[in-house]
């Protein structure tokens, strides 16, 4: 449903994804084989933007291991959604109160992201959109 809303442009904006996803006109992924300086700048900006979100997810997963990749929730979709919303609210409350993360001794990895296998599927329209986006925003 959400994907269709992005496709139909009823939701405006662009999402940033890692290389495991297929590049589309609303989900931009890194370029695998960079050929120009503009593409290199795009990849740097894309990676920096994505890493902010990945770090936030990593911190949230450290506080609530039940939502981490390897610990799939074994509930109905309705309950899973409620658990995600509840843990995000509790996480935000803990951050407001400056509560430390469990086991936070400064040495733990905040990322907590699973390693993805690169998706070999190609969406030509996504590649065309990404190249136009790079021309408009990354060529100096």
C-alpha atoms as a PDB file:
ATOM      1  CA  UNK A   1       0.000   0.000   0.000  1.00  0.00           C
ATOM      2  CA  UNK A   2       2.708   2.479   0.975  1.00  0.00           C
ATOM      3  CA  UNK A   3       4.775   1.469  -2.056  1.00  0.00           C
ATOM      4  CA  UNK A   4       1.817   2.133  -4.346  1.00  0.00           C
ATOM      5  CA  UNK A   5       1.288   5.561  -2.784  1.00  0.00           C
ATOM      6  CA  UNK A   6       4.905   6.474  -3.570  1.00  0.00           C
ATOM      7  CA  UNK A   7       4.504   5.121  -7.103  1.00  0.00           C
ATOM      8  CA  UNK A   8       1.289   7.097  -7.606  1.00  0.00           C
ATOM      9  CA  UNK A   9       2.974  10.178  -6.095  1.00  0.00           C
ATOM     10  CA  UNK A  10       0.222  10.562  -3.497  1.00  0.00           C
ATOM     11  CA  UNK A  11       3.153  10.565  -1.072  1.00  0.00           C
ATOM     12  CA  UNK A  12       5.839  12.964  -2.214  1.00  0.00           C
ATOM     13  CA  UNK A  13       9.485  12.540  -1.449  1.00  0.00           C
ATOM     14  CA  UNK A  14      12.399  10.229  -2.000  1.00  0.00           C
ATOM     15  CA  UNK A  15      13.524   7.376   0.222  1.00  0.00           C
ATOM     16  CA  UNK A  16      17.144   6.282   0.582  1.00  0.00           C
ATOM     17  CA  UNK A  17      17.938   2.587   0.535  1.00  0.00           C
ATOM     18  CA  UNK A  18      20.976   0.371   0.801  1.00  0.00           C
ATOM     19  CA  UNK A  19      22.295  -1.752  -2.078  1.00  0.00           C
ATOM     20  CA  UNK A  20      20.006  -4.658  -1.123  1.00  0.00           C
ATOM     21  CA  UNK A  21      17.073  -2.737  -2.606  1.00  0.00           C
ATOM     22  CA  UNK A  22      16.231  -2.059  -6.223  1.00  0.00           C
ATOM     23  CA  UNK A  23      16.617   1.562  -7.272  1.00  0.00           C
ATOM     24  CA  UNK A  24      13.246   3.079  -8.204  1.00  0.00           C
ATOM     25  CA  UNK A  25      11.930   6.573  -8.868  1.00  0.00           C
ATOM     26  CA  UNK A  26      11.153   6.964  -5.150  1.00  0.00           C
ATOM     27  CA  UNK A  27      13.851   4.762  -3.534  1.00  0.00           C
ATOM     28  CA  UNK A  28      17.390   5.796  -4.414  1.00  0.00           C
ATOM     29  CA  UNK A  29      20.236   3.355  -3.819  1.00  0.00           C
ATOM     30  CA  UNK A  30      24.008   3.762  -4.150  1.00  0.00           C
ATOM     31  CA  UNK A  31      25.653   3.412  -7.553  1.00  0.00           C
ATOM     32  CA  UNK A  32      27.686   0.207  -7.758  1.00  0.00           C
ATOM     33  CA  UNK A  33      30.211   1.268 -10.401  1.00  0.00           C
ATOM     34  CA  UNK A  34      30.915   4.976 -10.073  1.00  0.00           C
ATOM     35  CA  UNK A  35      32.196   6.651 -13.261  1.00  0.00           C
ATOM     36  CA  UNK A  36      31.948  10.391 -12.596  1.00  0.00           C
ATOM     37  CA  UNK A  37      32.720  12.835  -9.818  1.00  0.00           C
ATOM     38  CA  UNK A  38      28.992  13.661  -9.575  1.00  0.00           C
ATOM     39  CA  UNK A  39      28.202   9.972  -9.003  1.00  0.00           C
ATOM     40  CA  UNK A  40      30.904   9.803  -6.326  1.00  0.00           C
ATOM     41  CA  UNK A  41      29.420  12.869  -4.560  1.00  0.00           C
ATOM     42  CA  UNK A  42      25.958  11.316  -4.839  1.00  0.00           C
ATOM     43  CA  UNK A  43      27.182   8.064  -3.242  1.00  0.00           C
ATOM     44  CA  UNK A  44      28.836   9.974  -0.384  1.00  0.00           C
ATOM     45  CA  UNK A  45      25.668  12.008   0.299  1.00  0.00           C
ATOM     46  CA  UNK A  46      23.457   8.935  -0.035  1.00  0.00           C
ATOM     47  CA  UNK A  47      25.631   6.921   2.381  1.00  0.00           C
ATOM     48  CA  UNK A  48      25.791   9.741   4.949  1.00  0.00           C
ATOM     49  CA  UNK A  49      22.033  10.238   4.848  1.00  0.00           C
ATOM     50  CA  UNK A  50      21.345   6.527   5.169  1.00  0.00           C
ATOM     51  CA  UNK A  51      23.832   6.045   8.000  1.00  0.00           C
ATOM     52  CA  UNK A  52      21.980   8.516  10.251  1.00  0.00           C
ATOM     53  CA  UNK A  53      18.857   6.369  10.045  1.00  0.00           C
ATOM     54  CA  UNK A  54      20.796   3.094  10.366  1.00  0.00           C
ATOM     55  CA  UNK A  55      22.479   4.345  13.554  1.00  0.00           C
ATOM     56  CA  UNK A  56      19.098   5.370  14.981  1.00  0.00           C
ATOM     57  CA  UNK A  57      17.683   1.907  14.216  1.00  0.00           C
ATOM     58  CA  UNK A  58      20.771   0.301  15.752  1.00  0.00           C
ATOM     59  CA  UNK A  59      20.344   2.264  18.989  1.00  0.00           C
ATOM     60  CA  UNK A  60      16.617   1.397  19.107  1.00  0.00           C
ATOM     61  CA  UNK A  61      17.422  -2.307  18.585  1.00  0.00           C
ATOM     62  CA  UNK A  62      19.987  -2.236  21.391  1.00  0.00           C
ATOM     63  CA  UNK A  63      17.360  -0.879  23.761  1.00  0.00           C
ATOM     64  CA  UNK A  64      14.701  -3.359  22.555  1.00  0.00           C
ATOM     65  CA  UNK A  65      16.367  -6.551  21.258  1.00  0.00           C
ATOM     66  CA  UNK A  66      12.946  -8.049  20.466  1.00  0.00           C
ATOM     67  CA  UNK A  67      12.802  -5.824  17.359  1.00  0.00           C
ATOM     68  CA  UNK A  68      16.311  -6.709  16.159  1.00  0.00           C
ATOM     69  CA  UNK A  69      16.726  -8.540  12.852  1.00  0.00           C
ATOM     70  CA  UNK A  70      17.442 -11.990  14.300  1.00  0.00           C
ATOM     71  CA  UNK A  71      14.611 -11.813  16.857  1.00  0.00           C
ATOM     72  CA  UNK A  72      11.571 -11.643  14.615  1.00  0.00           C
ATOM     73  CA  UNK A  73       8.386 -10.860  16.445  1.00  0.00           C
ATOM     74  CA  UNK A  74       6.130 -13.889  16.419  1.00  0.00           C
ATOM     75  CA  UNK A  75       2.791 -12.145  16.706  1.00  0.00           C
ATOM     76  CA  UNK A  76       0.012 -11.089  14.406  1.00  0.00           C
ATOM     77  CA  UNK A  77       0.619  -8.080  12.175  1.00  0.00           C
ATOM     78  CA  UNK A  78      -1.642  -5.974  14.428  1.00  0.00           C
ATOM     79  CA  UNK A  79       0.389  -6.886  17.514  1.00  0.00           C
ATOM     80  CA  UNK A  80       3.709  -6.385  15.687  1.00  0.00           C
ATOM     81  CA  UNK A  81       2.678  -2.868  14.703  1.00  0.00           C
ATOM     82  CA  UNK A  82       1.644  -2.119  18.291  1.00  0.00           C
ATOM     83  CA  UNK A  83       4.965  -3.448  19.612  1.00  0.00           C
ATOM     84  CA  UNK A  84       6.954  -1.316  17.164  1.00  0.00           C
ATOM     85  CA  UNK A  85       4.990   1.835  18.011  1.00  0.00           C
ATOM     86  CA  UNK A  86       5.211   1.151  21.763  1.00  0.00           C
ATOM     87  CA  UNK A  87       8.968   0.503  21.690  1.00  0.00           C
ATOM     88  CA  UNK A  88       9.601   3.637  19.622  1.00  0.00           C
ATOM     89  CA  UNK A  89       7.566   5.716  22.094  1.00  0.00           C
ATOM     90  CA  UNK A  90       9.389   4.175  25.051  1.00  0.00           C
ATOM     91  CA  UNK A  91      12.735   4.700  23.339  1.00  0.00           C
ATOM     92  CA  UNK A  92      11.956   8.374  22.717  1.00  0.00           C
ATOM     93  CA  UNK A  93      10.878   8.788  26.342  1.00  0.00           C
ATOM     94  CA  UNK A  94      14.108   7.162  27.530  1.00  0.00           C
ATOM     95  CA  UNK A  95      16.137   9.500  25.305  1.00  0.00           C
ATOM     96  CA  UNK A  96      14.294  12.538  26.686  1.00  0.00           C
ATOM     97  CA  UNK A  97      15.220  11.357  30.194  1.00  0.00           C
ATOM     98  CA  UNK A  98      18.819  10.621  29.160  1.00  0.00           C
ATOM     99  CA  UNK A  99      18.478   6.982  30.240  1.00  0.00           C
ATOM    100  CA  UNK A 100      21.577   5.056  29.170  1.00  0.00           C
ATOM    101  CA  UNK A 101      21.299   2.154  26.776  1.00  0.00           C
ATOM    102  CA  UNK A 102      21.582  -1.319  28.309  1.00  0.00           C
ATOM    103  CA  UNK A 103      25.237  -2.310  28.545  1.00  0.00           C
ATOM    104  CA  UNK A 104      26.313   1.155  27.413  1.00  0.00           C
ATOM    105  CA  UNK A 105      29.948   1.350  28.408  1.00  0.00           C
ATOM    106  CA  UNK A 106      30.996   3.242  25.297  1.00  0.00           C
ATOM    107  CA  UNK A 107      32.344   0.161  23.521  1.00  0.00           C
ATOM    108  CA  UNK A 108      29.173  -1.264  22.004  1.00  0.00           C
ATOM    109  CA  UNK A 109      28.411  -0.974  18.302  1.00  0.00           C
ATOM    110  CA  UNK A 110      25.486   1.375  17.686  1.00  0.00           C
ATOM    111  CA  UNK A 111      24.849   0.238  14.134  1.00  0.00           C
ATOM    112  CA  UNK A 112      23.361  -3.204  14.700  1.00  0.00           C
ATOM    113  CA  UNK A 113      22.403  -3.527  11.043  1.00  0.00           C
ATOM    114  CA  UNK A 114      22.279  -6.912   9.334  1.00  0.00           C
ATOM    115  CA  UNK A 115      24.489  -7.497   6.327  1.00  0.00           C
ATOM    116  CA  UNK A 116      22.345  -7.514   3.199  1.00  0.00           C
ATOM    117  CA  UNK A 117      22.964  -9.496   0.076  1.00  0.00           C
ATOM    118  CA  UNK A 118      22.946  -7.126  -2.868  1.00  0.00           C
ATOM    119  CA  UNK A 119      19.767  -7.285  -4.895  1.00  0.00           C
ATOM    120  CA  UNK A 120      20.556  -8.045  -8.536  1.00  0.00           C
ATOM    121  CA  UNK A 121      17.106  -6.983  -9.758  1.00  0.00           C
ATOM    122  CA  UNK A 122      17.278  -3.919 -11.987  1.00  0.00           C
ATOM    123  CA  UNK A 123      14.621  -1.256 -12.423  1.00  0.00           C
ATOM    124  CA  UNK A 124      15.685   0.712 -15.496  1.00  0.00           C
ATOM    125  CA  UNK A 125      13.274   3.546 -14.672  1.00  0.00           C
ATOM    126  CA  UNK A 126      14.890   3.823 -11.242  1.00  0.00           C
ATOM    127  CA  UNK A 127      18.360   4.051 -12.778  1.00  0.00           C
ATOM    128  CA  UNK A 128      17.176   6.719 -15.220  1.00  0.00           C
ATOM    129  CA  UNK A 129      15.545   8.688 -12.388  1.00  0.00           C
ATOM    130  CA  UNK A 130      18.700   8.397 -10.246  1.00  0.00           C
ATOM    131  CA  UNK A 131      20.920   9.677 -13.093  1.00  0.00           C
ATOM    132  CA  UNK A 132      18.587  12.663 -13.645  1.00  0.00           C
ATOM    133  CA  UNK A 133      18.629  13.319  -9.887  1.00  0.00           C
ATOM    134  CA  UNK A 134      22.445  13.251  -9.884  1.00  0.00           C
ATOM    135  CA  UNK A 135      22.627  15.628 -12.872  1.00  0.00           C
ATOM    136  CA  UNK A 136      20.269  18.057 -11.128  1.00  0.00           C
ATOM    137  CA  UNK A 137      21.872  17.942  -7.692  1.00  0.00           C
ATOM    138  CA  UNK A 138      25.500  16.786  -7.821  1.00  0.00           C
ATOM    139  CA  UNK A 139      27.115  18.308 -10.918  1.00  0.00           C
ATOM    140  CA  UNK A 140      28.946  21.510 -10.066  1.00  0.00           C
END
